[in-house]
């Protein structure tokens, strides 16, 4: 029996939490844990608390059971935090963690300081779902649970193309496929499905993108008034930064979404050598080497200037290192 299973068995009430602006790995890991626990002990009181997630992830079992608000003064026996790099990333659900009798965090972010009573953090894992898989009994994983786990793995590995994909990642994905999941459909749903309005806002973001640092970086911004005009919310902006990253010659892509006047959520993506987790951490955020985020304050010009300074430094370091290597040869 794994440590997670021991803690769950000893608890009557379990609260499952993930980070703000939940993505496929966050929702997938939370629902995988939820479904696994409910299947093993249907009578156990288990609840997932998350902000509103992208509707395209609604194919996962339990999606409709997610609660977007927690009762005041909730005191769960066990709080499970998944895919959350820091306690403040829980946002409005931080009191659930504080009120829990005991807590455990399963994560793969290298920036995670270990904020729960127990922490299982594997920075080499592709995703929180890969970490969670190691805490579940393989023979007890149902097709529904496998579908959730597979969603998280493909989301954070970019369908196995990011450098956080390992042989173990592929091995786990194969075992999940053996559970009978429709893996092709999951990839389509999690990555490519978009509503007409989402396509429109994506088109606007790409059209108004700005290239800088000699084409090695690009940014775009969507303001609250734009979101209101198109009738979309922050969950509909998923995938825009990845499209910016794919532009030829770009090493770092930045997507800013305005959350309040003078406040922007910055999503950062790197292609080859840049480490955007270092940049995000400097500004109070976190993430992975190739995918990270943080909250920035000021006007767009200020935000991009601040980020640009760090990006340019990494680009120059890389170019200097390459030049020295050529001279030695």
C-alpha atoms as a PDB file:
ATOM      1  CA  UNK A   1       0.000   0.000   0.000  1.00  0.00           C
ATOM      2  CA  UNK A   2       1.371   3.408  -0.969  1.00  0.00           C
ATOM      3  CA  UNK A   3       1.618   6.335   1.436  1.00  0.00           C
ATOM      4  CA  UNK A   4      -1.251   8.136  -0.293  1.00  0.00           C
ATOM      5  CA  UNK A   5      -3.483   5.084   0.033  1.00  0.00           C
ATOM      6  CA  UNK A   6      -2.608   4.796   3.739  1.00  0.00           C
ATOM      7  CA  UNK A   7      -3.587   8.413   4.374  1.00  0.00           C
ATOM      8  CA  UNK A   8      -6.813   8.098   2.384  1.00  0.00           C
ATOM      9  CA  UNK A   9      -7.810   4.923   4.222  1.00  0.00           C
ATOM     10  CA  UNK A  10      -7.401   6.683   7.586  1.00  0.00           C
ATOM     11  CA  UNK A  11      -9.516   9.694   6.555  1.00  0.00           C
ATOM     12  CA  UNK A  12     -13.308  10.010   6.570  1.00  0.00           C
ATOM     13  CA  UNK A  13     -13.382  13.291   4.627  1.00  0.00           C
ATOM     14  CA  UNK A  14     -10.970  14.097   1.805  1.00  0.00           C
ATOM     15  CA  UNK A  15     -10.593  17.456   0.054  1.00  0.00           C
ATOM     16  CA  UNK A  16      -8.706  17.530  -3.264  1.00  0.00           C
ATOM     17  CA  UNK A  17      -7.176  20.815  -4.442  1.00  0.00           C
ATOM     18  CA  UNK A  18      -5.252  22.060  -7.474  1.00  0.00           C
ATOM     19  CA  UNK A  19      -3.768  25.314  -8.693  1.00  0.00           C
ATOM     20  CA  UNK A  20      -5.510  28.440  -9.926  1.00  0.00           C
ATOM     21  CA  UNK A  21      -6.447  28.501 -13.634  1.00  0.00           C
ATOM     22  CA  UNK A  22      -6.554  24.680 -13.732  1.00  0.00           C
ATOM     23  CA  UNK A  23      -5.182  23.010 -16.862  1.00  0.00           C
ATOM     24  CA  UNK A  24      -5.336  19.425 -18.111  1.00  0.00           C
ATOM     25  CA  UNK A  25      -2.757  18.083 -15.662  1.00  0.00           C
ATOM     26  CA  UNK A  26      -4.361  19.832 -12.709  1.00  0.00           C
ATOM     27  CA  UNK A  27      -7.909  18.704 -13.537  1.00  0.00           C
ATOM     28  CA  UNK A  28      -6.727  15.273 -14.681  1.00  0.00           C
ATOM     29  CA  UNK A  29      -4.779  14.548 -11.501  1.00  0.00           C
ATOM     30  CA  UNK A  30      -7.564  15.847  -9.233  1.00  0.00           C
ATOM     31  CA  UNK A  31     -10.255  13.806 -10.989  1.00  0.00           C
ATOM     32  CA  UNK A  32      -8.010  10.738 -11.209  1.00  0.00           C
ATOM     33  CA  UNK A  33      -7.540  10.850  -7.423  1.00  0.00           C
ATOM     34  CA  UNK A  34     -11.252  11.536  -6.887  1.00  0.00           C
ATOM     35  CA  UNK A  35     -12.437   8.657  -9.085  1.00  0.00           C
ATOM     36  CA  UNK A  36      -9.843   6.236  -7.723  1.00  0.00           C
ATOM     37  CA  UNK A  37     -10.832   6.933  -4.103  1.00  0.00           C
ATOM     38  CA  UNK A  38     -14.581   6.770  -4.835  1.00  0.00           C
ATOM     39  CA  UNK A  39     -14.190   3.483  -6.695  1.00  0.00           C
ATOM     40  CA  UNK A  40     -12.238   1.887  -3.853  1.00  0.00           C
ATOM     41  CA  UNK A  41     -14.531   3.231  -1.111  1.00  0.00           C
ATOM     42  CA  UNK A  42     -17.853   4.579  -2.478  1.00  0.00           C
ATOM     43  CA  UNK A  43     -18.972   5.712   0.962  1.00  0.00           C
ATOM     44  CA  UNK A  44     -16.015   7.991   1.608  1.00  0.00           C
ATOM     45  CA  UNK A  45     -16.682  11.745   1.580  1.00  0.00           C
ATOM     46  CA  UNK A  46     -14.435  13.078  -1.227  1.00  0.00           C
ATOM     47  CA  UNK A  47     -14.703  16.474  -2.913  1.00  0.00           C
ATOM     48  CA  UNK A  48     -12.654  18.284  -5.563  1.00  0.00           C
ATOM     49  CA  UNK A  49     -12.395  22.067  -5.153  1.00  0.00           C
ATOM     50  CA  UNK A  50     -11.119  23.973  -8.195  1.00  0.00           C
ATOM     51  CA  UNK A  51     -11.692  27.166 -10.087  1.00  0.00           C
ATOM     52  CA  UNK A  52     -13.702  26.849 -13.295  1.00  0.00           C
ATOM     53  CA  UNK A  53     -11.815  24.615 -15.731  1.00  0.00           C
ATOM     54  CA  UNK A  54     -11.892  24.607 -19.553  1.00  0.00           C
ATOM     55  CA  UNK A  55     -15.095  22.986 -20.813  1.00  0.00           C
ATOM     56  CA  UNK A  56     -13.086  20.918 -23.287  1.00  0.00           C
ATOM     57  CA  UNK A  57     -11.980  18.774 -20.328  1.00  0.00           C
ATOM     58  CA  UNK A  58     -15.567  17.876 -19.436  1.00  0.00           C
ATOM     59  CA  UNK A  59     -15.201  14.385 -20.955  1.00  0.00           C
ATOM     60  CA  UNK A  60     -13.471  13.233 -17.763  1.00  0.00           C
ATOM     61  CA  UNK A  61     -15.668  11.442 -15.250  1.00  0.00           C
ATOM     62  CA  UNK A  62     -16.438  13.613 -12.221  1.00  0.00           C
ATOM     63  CA  UNK A  63     -15.964  16.924 -14.051  1.00  0.00           C
ATOM     64  CA  UNK A  64     -19.509  17.965 -13.174  1.00  0.00           C
ATOM     65  CA  UNK A  65     -18.896  17.156  -9.488  1.00  0.00           C
ATOM     66  CA  UNK A  66     -16.119  19.745  -9.124  1.00  0.00           C
ATOM     67  CA  UNK A  67     -17.058  22.487  -6.672  1.00  0.00           C
ATOM     68  CA  UNK A  68     -15.943  26.040  -7.342  1.00  0.00           C
ATOM     69  CA  UNK A  69     -16.505  27.237  -3.779  1.00  0.00           C
ATOM     70  CA  UNK A  70     -15.631  25.624  -0.453  1.00  0.00           C
ATOM     71  CA  UNK A  71     -17.776  25.822   2.704  1.00  0.00           C
ATOM     72  CA  UNK A  72     -16.445  28.312   5.209  1.00  0.00           C
ATOM     73  CA  UNK A  73     -14.597  26.645   8.063  1.00  0.00           C
ATOM     74  CA  UNK A  74     -14.204  23.305   6.238  1.00  0.00           C
ATOM     75  CA  UNK A  75     -12.066  20.872   8.264  1.00  0.00           C
ATOM     76  CA  UNK A  76     -11.295  17.827   6.128  1.00  0.00           C
ATOM     77  CA  UNK A  77      -9.415  14.905   7.645  1.00  0.00           C
ATOM     78  CA  UNK A  78      -7.092  14.893   4.633  1.00  0.00           C
ATOM     79  CA  UNK A  79      -6.271  17.532   2.045  1.00  0.00           C
ATOM     80  CA  UNK A  80      -4.603  16.307  -1.157  1.00  0.00           C
ATOM     81  CA  UNK A  81      -2.896  19.029  -3.202  1.00  0.00           C
ATOM     82  CA  UNK A  82      -2.076  18.124  -6.798  1.00  0.00           C
ATOM     83  CA  UNK A  83      -0.035  19.930  -9.465  1.00  0.00           C
ATOM     84  CA  UNK A  84       0.344  22.956  -7.192  1.00  0.00           C
ATOM     85  CA  UNK A  85       3.829  24.502  -6.992  1.00  0.00           C
ATOM     86  CA  UNK A  86       3.129  26.736  -3.966  1.00  0.00           C
ATOM     87  CA  UNK A  87       0.378  27.180  -1.403  1.00  0.00           C
ATOM     88  CA  UNK A  88      -0.589  30.626  -2.726  1.00  0.00           C
ATOM     89  CA  UNK A  89      -1.405  28.959  -6.070  1.00  0.00           C
ATOM     90  CA  UNK A  90      -4.433  27.493  -4.288  1.00  0.00           C
ATOM     91  CA  UNK A  91      -5.859  31.032  -4.167  1.00  0.00           C
ATOM     92  CA  UNK A  92      -9.381  31.005  -2.662  1.00  0.00           C
ATOM     93  CA  UNK A  93      -9.002  27.384  -1.512  1.00  0.00           C
ATOM     94  CA  UNK A  94      -5.961  27.987   0.682  1.00  0.00           C
ATOM     95  CA  UNK A  95      -8.220  27.960   3.809  1.00  0.00           C
ATOM     96  CA  UNK A  96      -9.171  24.351   2.952  1.00  0.00           C
ATOM     97  CA  UNK A  97      -5.511  23.384   3.278  1.00  0.00           C
ATOM     98  CA  UNK A  98      -5.146  25.382   6.498  1.00  0.00           C
ATOM     99  CA  UNK A  99      -8.241  23.785   8.031  1.00  0.00           C
ATOM    100  CA  UNK A 100      -7.324  20.185   7.192  1.00  0.00           C
ATOM    101  CA  UNK A 101      -6.169  17.818   9.920  1.00  0.00           C
ATOM    102  CA  UNK A 102      -3.409  16.520   7.618  1.00  0.00           C
ATOM    103  CA  UNK A 103      -2.185  17.277   4.124  1.00  0.00           C
ATOM    104  CA  UNK A 104      -0.120  15.761   1.335  1.00  0.00           C
ATOM    105  CA  UNK A 105       1.125  17.367  -1.870  1.00  0.00           C
ATOM    106  CA  UNK A 106       1.928  15.434  -5.060  1.00  0.00           C
ATOM    107  CA  UNK A 107       3.688  17.552  -7.634  1.00  0.00           C
ATOM    108  CA  UNK A 108       6.384  17.767 -10.310  1.00  0.00           C
ATOM    109  CA  UNK A 109       7.335  21.464 -10.208  1.00  0.00           C
ATOM    110  CA  UNK A 110      11.016  22.016  -9.443  1.00  0.00           C
ATOM    111  CA  UNK A 111      10.060  25.273  -7.675  1.00  0.00           C
ATOM    112  CA  UNK A 112       7.772  23.546  -5.136  1.00  0.00           C
ATOM    113  CA  UNK A 113       9.079  24.272  -1.600  1.00  0.00           C
ATOM    114  CA  UNK A 114       7.064  21.437  -0.010  1.00  0.00           C
ATOM    115  CA  UNK A 115       4.220  23.245   1.775  1.00  0.00           C
ATOM    116  CA  UNK A 116       2.096  20.299   2.956  1.00  0.00           C
ATOM    117  CA  UNK A 117       2.617  17.999   5.959  1.00  0.00           C
ATOM    118  CA  UNK A 118       3.985  15.426   3.522  1.00  0.00           C
ATOM    119  CA  UNK A 119       5.279  16.107   0.021  1.00  0.00           C
ATOM    120  CA  UNK A 120       5.961  13.776  -2.877  1.00  0.00           C
ATOM    121  CA  UNK A 121       7.673  15.936  -5.482  1.00  0.00           C
ATOM    122  CA  UNK A 122       9.402  14.502  -8.534  1.00  0.00           C
ATOM    123  CA  UNK A 123      10.828  17.275 -10.705  1.00  0.00           C
ATOM    124  CA  UNK A 124      11.843  14.705 -13.332  1.00  0.00           C
ATOM    125  CA  UNK A 125       8.255  13.563 -13.877  1.00  0.00           C
ATOM    126  CA  UNK A 126       6.365  14.823 -16.917  1.00  0.00           C
ATOM    127  CA  UNK A 127       3.305  15.765 -14.891  1.00  0.00           C
ATOM    128  CA  UNK A 128       1.474  15.557 -11.600  1.00  0.00           C
ATOM    129  CA  UNK A 129      -0.472  12.682 -13.132  1.00  0.00           C
ATOM    130  CA  UNK A 130       2.772  10.745 -13.564  1.00  0.00           C
ATOM    131  CA  UNK A 131       3.604  11.337  -9.884  1.00  0.00           C
ATOM    132  CA  UNK A 132       0.078  10.332  -8.864  1.00  0.00           C
ATOM    133  CA  UNK A 133       0.281   7.138 -10.944  1.00  0.00           C
ATOM    134  CA  UNK A 134       3.157   6.010  -8.732  1.00  0.00           C
ATOM    135  CA  UNK A 135       0.891   6.299  -5.675  1.00  0.00           C
ATOM    136  CA  UNK A 136      -1.923   4.179  -7.122  1.00  0.00           C
ATOM    137  CA  UNK A 137      -2.174   0.406  -7.405  1.00  0.00           C
ATOM    138  CA  UNK A 138      -1.843  -0.309 -11.121  1.00  0.00           C
ATOM    139  CA  UNK A 139      -4.268  -3.210 -11.114  1.00  0.00           C
ATOM    140  CA  UNK A 140      -6.953  -1.037  -9.468  1.00  0.00           C
ATOM    141  CA  UNK A 141      -6.768   1.761 -12.046  1.00  0.00           C
ATOM    142  CA  UNK A 142     -10.033   1.777 -13.998  1.00  0.00           C
ATOM    143  CA  UNK A 143     -10.600   3.079 -17.506  1.00  0.00           C
ATOM    144  CA  UNK A 144     -12.105   6.284 -16.054  1.00  0.00           C
ATOM    145  CA  UNK A 145      -9.065   6.896 -13.856  1.00  0.00           C
ATOM    146  CA  UNK A 146      -6.723   6.039 -16.741  1.00  0.00           C
ATOM    147  CA  UNK A 147      -8.483   8.580 -18.946  1.00  0.00           C
ATOM    148  CA  UNK A 148      -7.837  11.317 -16.369  1.00  0.00           C
ATOM    149  CA  UNK A 149      -4.200  10.327 -15.883  1.00  0.00           C
ATOM    150  CA  UNK A 150      -3.555  10.161 -19.629  1.00  0.00           C
ATOM    151  CA  UNK A 151      -5.052  13.642 -20.036  1.00  0.00           C
ATOM    152  CA  UNK A 152      -2.613  15.127 -17.544  1.00  0.00           C
ATOM    153  CA  UNK A 153       0.390  13.375 -19.039  1.00  0.00           C
ATOM    154  CA  UNK A 154      -0.289  14.464 -22.619  1.00  0.00           C
ATOM    155  CA  UNK A 155      -1.107  18.010 -21.491  1.00  0.00           C
ATOM    156  CA  UNK A 156       2.143  18.652 -19.650  1.00  0.00           C
ATOM    157  CA  UNK A 157       4.345  16.678 -22.031  1.00  0.00           C
ATOM    158  CA  UNK A 158       2.894  18.386 -25.112  1.00  0.00           C
ATOM    159  CA  UNK A 159       1.758  14.949 -26.339  1.00  0.00           C
ATOM    160  CA  UNK A 160       5.216  13.536 -25.542  1.00  0.00           C
ATOM    161  CA  UNK A 161       7.242  16.218 -27.378  1.00  0.00           C
ATOM    162  CA  UNK A 162       8.595  18.250 -24.427  1.00  0.00           C
ATOM    163  CA  UNK A 163      11.933  17.284 -22.898  1.00  0.00           C
ATOM    164  CA  UNK A 164      10.215  16.282 -19.636  1.00  0.00           C
ATOM    165  CA  UNK A 165       9.039  13.155 -21.476  1.00  0.00           C
ATOM    166  CA  UNK A 166      11.005  10.125 -20.296  1.00  0.00           C
ATOM    167  CA  UNK A 167      10.977   6.419 -21.009  1.00  0.00           C
ATOM    168  CA  UNK A 168       8.903   6.015 -17.840  1.00  0.00           C
ATOM    169  CA  UNK A 169       6.399   8.567 -19.137  1.00  0.00           C
ATOM    170  CA  UNK A 170       5.943   6.501 -22.284  1.00  0.00           C
ATOM    171  CA  UNK A 171       5.746   3.277 -20.266  1.00  0.00           C
ATOM    172  CA  UNK A 172       2.993   4.687 -18.045  1.00  0.00           C
ATOM    173  CA  UNK A 173       1.117   6.021 -21.079  1.00  0.00           C
ATOM    174  CA  UNK A 174       1.259   2.535 -22.605  1.00  0.00           C
ATOM    175  CA  UNK A 175      -0.140   0.958 -19.457  1.00  0.00           C
ATOM    176  CA  UNK A 176      -2.982   3.480 -19.414  1.00  0.00           C
ATOM    177  CA  UNK A 177      -3.741   2.720 -23.068  1.00  0.00           C
ATOM    178  CA  UNK A 178      -4.059  -0.944 -22.092  1.00  0.00           C
ATOM    179  CA  UNK A 179      -6.999   0.075 -19.879  1.00  0.00           C
ATOM    180  CA  UNK A 180      -8.985   0.657 -23.078  1.00  0.00           C
ATOM    181  CA  UNK A 181      -8.971   4.453 -23.191  1.00  0.00           C
ATOM    182  CA  UNK A 182      -9.680   6.220 -26.492  1.00  0.00           C
ATOM    183  CA  UNK A 183      -6.302   7.935 -26.552  1.00  0.00           C
ATOM    184  CA  UNK A 184      -6.779   9.595 -29.944  1.00  0.00           C
ATOM    185  CA  UNK A 185     -10.040  11.173 -28.864  1.00  0.00           C
ATOM    186  CA  UNK A 186      -8.491  12.370 -25.598  1.00  0.00           C
ATOM    187  CA  UNK A 187      -5.704  14.131 -27.498  1.00  0.00           C
ATOM    188  CA  UNK A 188      -8.233  15.796 -29.800  1.00  0.00           C
ATOM    189  CA  UNK A 189     -10.424  16.888 -26.888  1.00  0.00           C
ATOM    190  CA  UNK A 190      -7.608  18.139 -24.659  1.00  0.00           C
ATOM    191  CA  UNK A 191      -5.516  19.847 -27.342  1.00  0.00           C
ATOM    192  CA  UNK A 192      -7.393  20.662 -30.504  1.00  0.00           C
ATOM    193  CA  UNK A 193     -11.059  21.118 -29.665  1.00  0.00           C
ATOM    194  CA  UNK A 194     -12.052  24.792 -29.706  1.00  0.00           C
ATOM    195  CA  UNK A 195     -15.331  26.636 -29.829  1.00  0.00           C
ATOM    196  CA  UNK A 196     -15.945  29.276 -32.488  1.00  0.00           C
ATOM    197  CA  UNK A 197     -15.386  32.037 -29.912  1.00  0.00           C
ATOM    198  CA  UNK A 198     -12.128  30.441 -28.722  1.00  0.00           C
ATOM    199  CA  UNK A 199     -10.923  30.346 -32.320  1.00  0.00           C
ATOM    200  CA  UNK A 200     -11.782  34.021 -32.731  1.00  0.00           C
ATOM    201  CA  UNK A 201      -9.880  35.094 -29.611  1.00  0.00           C
ATOM    202  CA  UNK A 202      -6.920  32.929 -30.672  1.00  0.00           C
ATOM    203  CA  UNK A 203      -6.933  34.608 -34.078  1.00  0.00           C
ATOM    204  CA  UNK A 204      -6.933  38.048 -32.492  1.00  0.00           C
ATOM    205  CA  UNK A 205      -4.059  37.133 -30.163  1.00  0.00           C
ATOM    206  CA  UNK A 206      -1.967  35.852 -33.077  1.00  0.00           C
ATOM    207  CA  UNK A 207      -2.836  38.813 -35.313  1.00  0.00           C
ATOM    208  CA  UNK A 208      -1.837  41.341 -32.654  1.00  0.00           C
ATOM    209  CA  UNK A 209       1.298  39.515 -31.468  1.00  0.00           C
ATOM    210  CA  UNK A 210       4.566  41.458 -31.365  1.00  0.00           C
ATOM    211  CA  UNK A 211       7.986  40.020 -32.174  1.00  0.00           C
ATOM    212  CA  UNK A 212      11.063  41.344 -30.315  1.00  0.00           C
ATOM    213  CA  UNK A 213      14.684  40.507 -29.526  1.00  0.00           C
ATOM    214  CA  UNK A 214      15.390  39.944 -33.227  1.00  0.00           C
ATOM    215  CA  UNK A 215      12.522  37.500 -33.558  1.00  0.00           C
ATOM    216  CA  UNK A 216      13.713  35.272 -30.715  1.00  0.00           C
ATOM    217  CA  UNK A 217      10.783  36.311 -28.521  1.00  0.00           C
ATOM    218  CA  UNK A 218       7.130  37.127 -29.121  1.00  0.00           C
ATOM    219  CA  UNK A 219       4.279  38.338 -26.964  1.00  0.00           C
ATOM    220  CA  UNK A 220       0.575  38.949 -27.190  1.00  0.00           C
ATOM    221  CA  UNK A 221      -1.964  40.326 -24.742  1.00  0.00           C
ATOM    222  CA  UNK A 222      -5.703  39.948 -24.260  1.00  0.00           C
ATOM    223  CA  UNK A 223      -7.414  42.492 -22.022  1.00  0.00           C
ATOM    224  CA  UNK A 224     -10.543  42.028 -19.943  1.00  0.00           C
ATOM    225  CA  UNK A 225     -12.539  44.207 -22.316  1.00  0.00           C
ATOM    226  CA  UNK A 226     -11.514  41.939 -25.213  1.00  0.00           C
ATOM    227  CA  UNK A 227     -12.690  38.877 -23.298  1.00  0.00           C
ATOM    228  CA  UNK A 228     -15.987  40.585 -22.544  1.00  0.00           C
ATOM    229  CA  UNK A 229     -16.392  41.575 -26.203  1.00  0.00           C
ATOM    230  CA  UNK A 230     -15.910  37.990 -27.395  1.00  0.00           C
ATOM    231  CA  UNK A 231     -17.863  36.486 -24.513  1.00  0.00           C
ATOM    232  CA  UNK A 232     -15.015  34.283 -23.260  1.00  0.00           C
ATOM    233  CA  UNK A 233     -13.347  33.801 -19.888  1.00  0.00           C
ATOM    234  CA  UNK A 234      -9.798  32.934 -18.854  1.00  0.00           C
ATOM    235  CA  UNK A 235     -10.358  29.203 -19.375  1.00  0.00           C
ATOM    236  CA  UNK A 236     -10.953  29.926 -23.078  1.00  0.00           C
ATOM    237  CA  UNK A 237      -7.433  31.329 -23.480  1.00  0.00           C
ATOM    238  CA  UNK A 238      -5.830  27.920 -23.032  1.00  0.00           C
ATOM    239  CA  UNK A 239      -3.396  27.061 -25.820  1.00  0.00           C
ATOM    240  CA  UNK A 240      -2.706  30.573 -27.125  1.00  0.00           C
ATOM    241  CA  UNK A 241       0.830  30.749 -25.722  1.00  0.00           C
ATOM    242  CA  UNK A 242       1.630  27.363 -27.268  1.00  0.00           C
ATOM    243  CA  UNK A 243       0.649  28.666 -30.703  1.00  0.00           C
ATOM    244  CA  UNK A 244       2.956  31.641 -30.192  1.00  0.00           C
ATOM    245  CA  UNK A 245       5.800  29.301 -29.218  1.00  0.00           C
ATOM    246  CA  UNK A 246       5.483  27.444 -32.527  1.00  0.00           C
ATOM    247  CA  UNK A 247       6.404  30.542 -34.560  1.00  0.00           C
ATOM    248  CA  UNK A 248       9.604  29.939 -36.530  1.00  0.00           C
ATOM    249  CA  UNK A 249      12.677  31.439 -34.847  1.00  0.00           C
ATOM    250  CA  UNK A 250      10.972  32.066 -31.506  1.00  0.00           C
ATOM    251  CA  UNK A 251      12.740  30.803 -28.399  1.00  0.00           C
ATOM    252  CA  UNK A 252      10.438  32.352 -25.764  1.00  0.00           C
ATOM    253  CA  UNK A 253       6.740  33.117 -26.106  1.00  0.00           C
ATOM    254  CA  UNK A 254       4.768  35.286 -23.679  1.00  0.00           C
ATOM    255  CA  UNK A 255       1.009  35.525 -23.391  1.00  0.00           C
ATOM    256  CA  UNK A 256      -0.510  38.116 -21.070  1.00  0.00           C
ATOM    257  CA  UNK A 257      -4.130  38.005 -19.956  1.00  0.00           C
ATOM    258  CA  UNK A 258      -5.457  40.905 -17.919  1.00  0.00           C
ATOM    259  CA  UNK A 259      -7.019  39.731 -14.661  1.00  0.00           C
ATOM    260  CA  UNK A 260      -7.584  43.220 -13.174  1.00  0.00           C
ATOM    261  CA  UNK A 261      -6.562  46.785 -14.051  1.00  0.00           C
ATOM    262  CA  UNK A 262      -2.765  46.803 -14.000  1.00  0.00           C
ATOM    263  CA  UNK A 263      -2.549  43.061 -13.276  1.00  0.00           C
ATOM    264  CA  UNK A 264      -1.646  40.396 -15.822  1.00  0.00           C
ATOM    265  CA  UNK A 265      -1.249  36.639 -15.752  1.00  0.00           C
ATOM    266  CA  UNK A 266       1.916  35.911 -17.725  1.00  0.00           C
ATOM    267  CA  UNK A 267       2.240  32.504 -19.393  1.00  0.00           C
ATOM    268  CA  UNK A 268       5.779  31.723 -20.586  1.00  0.00           C
ATOM    269  CA  UNK A 269       6.926  28.997 -22.979  1.00  0.00           C
ATOM    270  CA  UNK A 270      10.429  28.114 -24.196  1.00  0.00           C
ATOM    271  CA  UNK A 271      11.386  26.090 -27.239  1.00  0.00           C
ATOM    272  CA  UNK A 272      14.965  24.849 -26.890  1.00  0.00           C
ATOM    273  CA  UNK A 273      17.423  26.228 -24.337  1.00  0.00           C
ATOM    274  CA  UNK A 274      15.708  28.961 -22.276  1.00  0.00           C
ATOM    275  CA  UNK A 275      14.601  28.201 -18.706  1.00  0.00           C
ATOM    276  CA  UNK A 276      11.383  30.155 -18.164  1.00  0.00           C
ATOM    277  CA  UNK A 277      10.910  28.685 -14.677  1.00  0.00           C
ATOM    278  CA  UNK A 278      13.845  30.843 -13.529  1.00  0.00           C
ATOM    279  CA  UNK A 279      12.133  33.927 -14.917  1.00  0.00           C
ATOM    280  CA  UNK A 280       8.749  33.086 -13.440  1.00  0.00           C
ATOM    281  CA  UNK A 281      10.276  32.307 -10.040  1.00  0.00           C
ATOM    282  CA  UNK A 282      12.025  35.700  -9.994  1.00  0.00           C
ATOM    283  CA  UNK A 283       8.621  37.372 -10.334  1.00  0.00           C
ATOM    284  CA  UNK A 284       6.958  35.204  -7.688  1.00  0.00           C
ATOM    285  CA  UNK A 285       5.613  32.471  -9.956  1.00  0.00           C
ATOM    286  CA  UNK A 286       6.810  28.998 -10.871  1.00  0.00           C
ATOM    287  CA  UNK A 287       6.604  26.133 -13.277  1.00  0.00           C
ATOM    288  CA  UNK A 288       8.887  24.062 -15.453  1.00  0.00           C
ATOM    289  CA  UNK A 289      11.923  24.828 -17.579  1.00  0.00           C
ATOM    290  CA  UNK A 290       9.857  25.023 -20.764  1.00  0.00           C
ATOM    291  CA  UNK A 291       6.505  26.140 -19.333  1.00  0.00           C
ATOM    292  CA  UNK A 292       5.946  28.535 -16.442  1.00  0.00           C
ATOM    293  CA  UNK A 293       3.836  31.452 -15.305  1.00  0.00           C
ATOM    294  CA  UNK A 294       3.550  34.336 -12.883  1.00  0.00           C
ATOM    295  CA  UNK A 295       1.414  37.366 -12.074  1.00  0.00           C
ATOM    296  CA  UNK A 296       2.811  40.746 -13.142  1.00  0.00           C
ATOM    297  CA  UNK A 297       1.750  44.291 -12.260  1.00  0.00           C
ATOM    298  CA  UNK A 298       1.999  47.525 -14.221  1.00  0.00           C
ATOM    299  CA  UNK A 299       1.159  48.386 -17.808  1.00  0.00           C
ATOM    300  CA  UNK A 300       1.950  46.059 -20.711  1.00  0.00           C
ATOM    301  CA  UNK A 301       5.068  48.042 -21.595  1.00  0.00           C
ATOM    302  CA  UNK A 302       6.431  47.663 -18.047  1.00  0.00           C
ATOM    303  CA  UNK A 303       5.655  43.948 -17.899  1.00  0.00           C
ATOM    304  CA  UNK A 304       7.281  43.119 -21.232  1.00  0.00           C
ATOM    305  CA  UNK A 305      10.338  45.271 -20.447  1.00  0.00           C
ATOM    306  CA  UNK A 306      10.830  43.441 -17.147  1.00  0.00           C
ATOM    307  CA  UNK A 307      10.451  40.009 -18.725  1.00  0.00           C
ATOM    308  CA  UNK A 308      12.548  40.979 -21.754  1.00  0.00           C
ATOM    309  CA  UNK A 309      15.554  41.793 -19.586  1.00  0.00           C
ATOM    310  CA  UNK A 310      15.639  38.233 -18.219  1.00  0.00           C
ATOM    311  CA  UNK A 311      14.942  36.611 -21.579  1.00  0.00           C
ATOM    312  CA  UNK A 312      17.676  38.609 -23.306  1.00  0.00           C
ATOM    313  CA  UNK A 313      20.160  37.622 -20.602  1.00  0.00           C
ATOM    314  CA  UNK A 314      19.479  33.928 -21.170  1.00  0.00           C
ATOM    315  CA  UNK A 315      19.731  34.334 -24.947  1.00  0.00           C
ATOM    316  CA  UNK A 316      23.090  36.110 -24.610  1.00  0.00           C
ATOM    317  CA  UNK A 317      24.358  33.435 -22.209  1.00  0.00           C
ATOM    318  CA  UNK A 318      23.422  30.757 -24.719  1.00  0.00           C
ATOM    319  CA  UNK A 319      24.995  32.582 -27.661  1.00  0.00           C
ATOM    320  CA  UNK A 320      28.195  33.261 -25.681  1.00  0.00           C
ATOM    321  CA  UNK A 321      28.431  29.627 -24.661  1.00  0.00           C
ATOM    322  CA  UNK A 322      27.971  28.512 -28.283  1.00  0.00           C
ATOM    323  CA  UNK A 323      30.593  30.987 -29.519  1.00  0.00           C
ATOM    324  CA  UNK A 324      33.110  29.719 -26.962  1.00  0.00           C
ATOM    325  CA  UNK A 325      32.399  26.111 -27.949  1.00  0.00           C
ATOM    326  CA  UNK A 326      33.052  26.968 -31.631  1.00  0.00           C
ATOM    327  CA  UNK A 327      36.327  28.692 -30.773  1.00  0.00           C
ATOM    328  CA  UNK A 328      37.518  25.648 -28.826  1.00  0.00           C
ATOM    329  CA  UNK A 329      36.883  23.467 -31.840  1.00  0.00           C
END
